[in-house]
Structure formats: structure tokens, C-alpha cells
Amino acid sequence: MSSFTKKLSITQMEDKQIWRVNKAFKYHIGSEDSEETINIPEGFMTDGASIPKAFWSIIGHPFAKYAQAAVIHDYMYNQKLFWRKKCDKIFLEAMGVLKVPWWKRQAMYRAVRMFGWIPWNKK
């Protein structure tokens, strides 16, 4: 199974919708000893999971249990590390590592597949 090298450490910025990564971390894609990694640098700014407020009571706050997966997803989109579908698949995988419930992983994965083109094309 894949793995994160450190727990997520973030600080909310003044505008309340942006968070700063305090400690760099890596995510090993595919398995915990994989040499294919995503390196999230200290100082990376993220808005977490882009969940409309109307769905927070069902899915959760943008920095709920899946927060670290959302940060790597934001980073992959921001840097265009892979093609979009691979970024979304890695997001799904990372939520599994974080033990996000199956139904929630599927809902979030489907949402990024349907609407991820919007932020993807903005960067």
C-alpha cells in the first residue's frame, strides 16, 4: 500500500480559505517503498478539498480526514505533475491510505472526475 512520509501540518492563512503546508512531506505512489513519489514542499498553499458548503454536512470540511490527499491533489494539479486522470486516481488511492470510507472516496473521486477540469484549466 502507498504511504505518506509525515503527517499533515498546516496553518490557516488570514483569508481563511487558504492554508500553508508547514512541513514538507512525500507521498509514495502505488506502494510504500515505491520510488515514484510526490514531494509536497513546505510553504505550498492549498484550499484543501473543494467541497461546496452545502455538502459539508455529508462529505465533511475541506480539511477533514482526507485533507492530506486533497493537498497532494492540489499540488499535482498546480504543478501538472501527471495527466489529470492519473492525478485523480492518485487522489483516490491516497484517500484509501487515509482510511476514508469507501462511499466518500467514490463520491469525491467522481466529483473531481466531473468537475476537476475547471481548476485544471485555470492553472
Protein backbone atom coordinates (compact mmCIF):
# COMPACT_ATOMS: atom_id res chain seq x y z
CA MET A 1 0.00 0.00 0.00
CA SER A 2 1.10 3.58 -0.65
CA SER A 3 2.23 5.83 2.16
CA PHE A 4 2.78 9.37 3.39
CA THR A 5 6.18 10.14 4.97
CA LYS A 6 4.83 12.60 7.57
CA LYS A 7 1.52 13.70 9.00
CA LEU A 8 0.00 16.84 7.55
CA SER A 9 0.92 20.07 9.34
CA ILE A 10 -0.86 23.19 8.04
CA THR A 11 -1.62 26.74 9.16
CA GLN A 12 -4.71 28.67 8.13
CA MET A 13 -3.86 31.96 6.45
CA GLU A 14 -5.55 35.31 7.07
CA ASP A 15 -8.08 34.98 4.25
CA LYS A 16 -9.39 31.80 5.98
CA GLN A 17 -9.74 29.84 2.74
CA ILE A 18 -6.05 29.19 2.11
CA TRP A 19 -3.77 27.01 4.20
CA ARG A 20 0.03 26.79 4.23
CA VAL A 21 1.89 23.49 4.49
CA ASN A 22 4.25 23.78 7.49
CA LYS A 23 6.36 20.66 6.91
CA ALA A 24 7.36 19.15 3.60
CA PHE A 25 6.22 15.57 3.07
CA LYS A 26 6.24 12.89 0.40
CA TYR A 27 3.64 10.50 -0.86
CA HIS A 28 4.78 7.16 -2.28
CA ILE A 29 2.56 6.21 -5.23
CA GLY A 30 1.41 2.60 -5.51
CA SER A 31 3.35 1.13 -2.57
CA GLU A 32 5.16 2.41 0.49
CA ASP A 33 8.56 1.52 -0.95
CA SER A 34 7.80 2.99 -4.38
CA GLU A 35 10.42 5.29 -5.82
CA GLU A 36 7.66 7.22 -7.60
CA THR A 37 6.85 9.99 -5.13
CA ILE A 38 5.09 13.31 -4.92
CA ASN A 39 7.10 15.81 -2.89
CA ILE A 40 4.97 18.49 -1.26
CA PRO A 41 7.21 21.41 -0.25
CA GLU A 42 6.98 23.43 2.92
CA GLY A 43 5.13 26.64 2.11
CA PHE A 44 2.79 25.16 -0.51
CA MET A 45 -0.58 26.95 -0.37
CA THR A 46 -3.79 24.94 -0.69
CA ASP A 47 -7.53 25.33 -0.29
CA GLY A 48 -7.97 21.67 0.68
CA ALA A 49 -10.82 19.73 -0.84
CA SER A 50 -13.06 21.94 -2.95
CA ILE A 51 -16.34 20.89 -1.39
CA PRO A 52 -19.30 23.27 -1.67
CA LYS A 53 -20.53 24.27 1.80
CA ALA A 54 -23.92 22.71 1.09
CA PHE A 55 -22.21 19.28 1.14
CA TRP A 56 -20.04 19.77 4.27
CA SER A 57 -22.64 18.04 6.45
CA ILE A 58 -22.42 14.94 4.22
CA ILE A 59 -18.80 14.85 2.98
CA GLY A 60 -17.09 17.00 5.61
CA HIS A 61 -14.99 20.14 5.91
CA PRO A 62 -12.30 20.72 3.24
CA PHE A 63 -9.69 19.61 5.80
CA ALA A 64 -11.38 16.52 7.21
CA LYS A 65 -9.85 13.01 7.25
CA TYR A 66 -8.96 13.23 3.54
CA ALA A 67 -7.03 16.54 3.94
CA GLN A 68 -3.59 15.16 3.14
CA ALA A 69 -4.92 13.51 -0.03
CA ALA A 70 -6.54 16.84 -1.01
CA VAL A 71 -3.22 18.64 -0.52
CA ILE A 72 -1.36 16.26 -2.82
CA HIS A 73 -4.20 16.52 -5.35
CA ASP A 74 -3.98 20.33 -5.27
CA TYR A 75 -0.21 20.12 -5.68
CA MET A 76 -0.43 17.70 -8.61
CA TYR A 77 -2.98 19.94 -10.36
CA ASN A 78 -0.97 23.08 -9.59
CA GLN A 79 2.26 21.61 -10.96
CA LYS A 80 0.61 19.49 -13.70
CA LEU A 81 2.73 16.55 -12.49
CA PHE A 82 0.76 13.98 -14.49
CA TRP A 83 -2.22 13.93 -16.81
CA ARG A 84 -5.40 14.83 -14.97
CA LYS A 85 -6.88 11.33 -14.76
CA LYS A 86 -3.70 9.99 -13.11
CA CYS A 87 -3.79 12.85 -10.57
CA ASP A 88 -7.39 11.93 -9.76
CA LYS A 89 -6.54 8.21 -9.42
CA ILE A 90 -3.68 9.05 -7.04
CA PHE A 91 -6.13 11.17 -5.01
CA LEU A 92 -8.45 8.15 -4.78
CA GLU A 93 -5.54 5.91 -3.75
CA ALA A 94 -4.35 8.39 -1.11
CA MET A 95 -7.82 8.61 0.42
CA GLY A 96 -7.72 4.83 0.77
CA VAL A 97 -4.37 5.08 2.61
CA LEU A 98 -6.03 7.57 4.97
CA LYS A 99 -8.89 5.10 5.50
CA VAL A 100 -11.57 7.43 4.19
CA PRO A 101 -14.81 5.41 3.92
CA TRP A 102 -15.35 3.76 0.54
CA TRP A 103 -18.55 5.70 -0.30
CA LYS A 104 -16.87 9.03 0.49
CA ARG A 105 -13.79 8.18 -1.59
CA GLN A 106 -16.02 7.28 -4.51
CA ALA A 107 -18.11 10.45 -4.19
CA MET A 108 -15.03 12.66 -4.05
CA TYR A 109 -13.31 10.82 -6.89
CA ARG A 110 -16.39 11.14 -9.11
CA ALA A 111 -16.62 14.85 -8.25
CA VAL A 112 -13.03 15.52 -9.32
CA ARG A 113 -13.55 13.49 -12.49
CA MET A 114 -16.66 15.50 -13.37
CA PHE A 115 -15.57 18.98 -12.25
CA GLY A 116 -11.77 18.84 -11.94
CA TRP A 117 -11.34 20.25 -15.43
CA ILE A 118 -12.33 23.67 -14.05
CA PRO A 119 -9.34 24.16 -11.71
CA TRP A 120 -7.12 22.13 -14.05
CA ASN A 121 -7.71 24.64 -16.86
CA LYS A 122 -7.28 27.68 -14.58
CA LYS A 123 -3.64 26.93 -13.74
